[in-house]
Amino acid sequence: MIRKITIGPDYLNSMKYVLGQIVLNNSNVIDLIKETTEAYEIWIKNSNNEIIKWKQFNKTMPISVEFNINF
């Protein structure tokens, strides 16, 4: 399971998306970060518990992926 992705060539100044992060004026939360064969998708949950695809990043972009590891 992906916990966090960072989009951009400079890690410190790139956009970061984390599961559970509140987005869009505190009205939605990141519910899922999913990898497909061609892209990474970010799905959000709104106040009505509807899950909607919010963003998609092509795999040709510089992306750092952090997985959820439970010990």
C-alpha atoms as a PDB file:
ATOM      1  CA  MET A   1       0.000   0.000   0.000  1.00  0.00           C
ATOM      2  CA  ILE A   2       1.338   3.441  -0.950  1.00  0.00           C
ATOM      3  CA  ARG A   3       1.400   5.878   1.975  1.00  0.00           C
ATOM      4  CA  LYS A   4       2.977   8.931   0.316  1.00  0.00           C
ATOM      5  CA  ILE A   5       4.137  10.136  -3.088  1.00  0.00           C
ATOM      6  CA  THR A   6       6.322  13.095  -3.920  1.00  0.00           C
ATOM      7  CA  ILE A   7       6.045  14.643  -7.380  1.00  0.00           C
ATOM      8  CA  GLY A   8       8.935  16.653  -8.831  1.00  0.00           C
ATOM      9  CA  PRO A   9      12.674  16.534  -9.513  1.00  0.00           C
ATOM     10  CA  ASP A  10      13.726  18.325  -6.310  1.00  0.00           C
ATOM     11  CA  TYR A  11      12.468  16.260  -3.353  1.00  0.00           C
ATOM     12  CA  LEU A  12      12.533  19.107  -0.812  1.00  0.00           C
ATOM     13  CA  ASN A  13      10.558  21.501  -3.029  1.00  0.00           C
ATOM     14  CA  SER A  14       8.193  18.968  -4.637  1.00  0.00           C
ATOM     15  CA  MET A  15       4.480  18.400  -4.078  1.00  0.00           C
ATOM     16  CA  LYS A  16       3.794  15.720  -1.455  1.00  0.00           C
ATOM     17  CA  TYR A  17       0.568  13.763  -1.072  1.00  0.00           C
ATOM     18  CA  VAL A  18      -0.036  11.583   2.004  1.00  0.00           C
ATOM     19  CA  LEU A  19      -2.909   9.246   2.901  1.00  0.00           C
ATOM     20  CA  GLY A  20      -5.232  11.024   5.320  1.00  0.00           C
ATOM     21  CA  GLN A  21      -4.030  14.480   4.238  1.00  0.00           C
ATOM     22  CA  ILE A  22      -6.787  17.106   4.221  1.00  0.00           C
ATOM     23  CA  VAL A  23      -7.083  18.887   0.857  1.00  0.00           C
ATOM     24  CA  LEU A  24      -9.315  21.318  -1.050  1.00  0.00           C
ATOM     25  CA  ASN A  25     -10.163  23.867   1.649  1.00  0.00           C
ATOM     26  CA  ASN A  26     -10.423  21.252   4.417  1.00  0.00           C
ATOM     27  CA  SER A  27     -13.392  19.604   2.701  1.00  0.00           C
ATOM     28  CA  ASN A  28     -11.788  16.381   1.425  1.00  0.00           C
ATOM     29  CA  VAL A  29      -9.220  13.836   2.553  1.00  0.00           C
ATOM     30  CA  ILE A  30      -6.825  11.676   0.516  1.00  0.00           C
ATOM     31  CA  ASP A  31      -8.311   8.189   0.733  1.00  0.00           C
ATOM     32  CA  LEU A  32      -6.156   6.181  -1.697  1.00  0.00           C
ATOM     33  CA  ILE A  33      -2.922   6.527  -3.659  1.00  0.00           C
ATOM     34  CA  LYS A  34      -2.987   3.921  -6.402  1.00  0.00           C
ATOM     35  CA  GLU A  35      -0.416   2.783  -8.947  1.00  0.00           C
ATOM     36  CA  THR A  36      -1.628   1.704 -12.388  1.00  0.00           C
ATOM     37  CA  THR A  37       0.457   0.520 -15.339  1.00  0.00           C
ATOM     38  CA  GLU A  38       0.754   4.072 -16.708  1.00  0.00           C
ATOM     39  CA  ALA A  39       0.226   6.470 -13.799  1.00  0.00           C
ATOM     40  CA  TYR A  40      -0.241   7.167 -10.102  1.00  0.00           C
ATOM     41  CA  GLU A  41      -3.754   8.194  -9.080  1.00  0.00           C
ATOM     42  CA  ILE A  42      -4.891  10.108  -6.010  1.00  0.00           C
ATOM     43  CA  TRP A  43      -8.439   9.431  -4.814  1.00  0.00           C
ATOM     44  CA  ILE A  44     -10.182  11.665  -2.264  1.00  0.00           C
ATOM     45  CA  LYS A  45     -13.210  11.235  -0.012  1.00  0.00           C
ATOM     46  CA  ASN A  46     -15.608  14.156   0.406  1.00  0.00           C
ATOM     47  CA  SER A  47     -17.954  15.023   3.270  1.00  0.00           C
ATOM     48  CA  ASN A  48     -20.659  12.763   1.752  1.00  0.00           C
ATOM     49  CA  ASN A  49     -18.224   9.787   1.874  1.00  0.00           C
ATOM     50  CA  GLU A  50     -18.054   9.744  -1.931  1.00  0.00           C
ATOM     51  CA  ILE A  51     -14.672   8.656  -3.296  1.00  0.00           C
ATOM     52  CA  ILE A  52     -13.542  10.582  -6.367  1.00  0.00           C
ATOM     53  CA  LYS A  53     -10.385  10.447  -8.485  1.00  0.00           C
ATOM     54  CA  TRP A  54      -8.702  13.814  -7.865  1.00  0.00           C
ATOM     55  CA  LYS A  55      -5.313  13.703  -9.577  1.00  0.00           C
ATOM     56  CA  GLN A  56      -3.311  11.518 -11.897  1.00  0.00           C
ATOM     57  CA  PHE A  57       0.436  11.722 -12.518  1.00  0.00           C
ATOM     58  CA  ASN A  58       2.078  10.085 -15.502  1.00  0.00           C
ATOM     59  CA  LYS A  59       4.910   7.681 -14.660  1.00  0.00           C
ATOM     60  CA  THR A  60       7.254   9.696 -16.880  1.00  0.00           C
ATOM     61  CA  MET A  61       7.329  12.406 -14.179  1.00  0.00           C
ATOM     62  CA  PRO A  62       9.925  12.207 -11.388  1.00  0.00           C
ATOM     63  CA  ILE A  63       8.068  10.514  -8.525  1.00  0.00           C
ATOM     64  CA  SER A  64       9.211   9.193  -5.162  1.00  0.00           C
ATOM     65  CA  VAL A  65       6.979   6.548  -3.558  1.00  0.00           C
ATOM     66  CA  GLU A  66       6.809   5.701   0.137  1.00  0.00           C
ATOM     67  CA  PHE A  67       5.023   2.510   1.121  1.00  0.00           C
ATOM     68  CA  ASN A  68       3.114   1.825   4.314  1.00  0.00           C
ATOM     69  CA  ILE A  69       5.195  -0.643   6.309  1.00  0.00           C
ATOM     70  CA  ASN A  70       3.810  -2.147   9.493  1.00  0.00           C
ATOM     71  CA  PHE A  71       6.250  -4.004  11.718  1.00  0.00           C
END
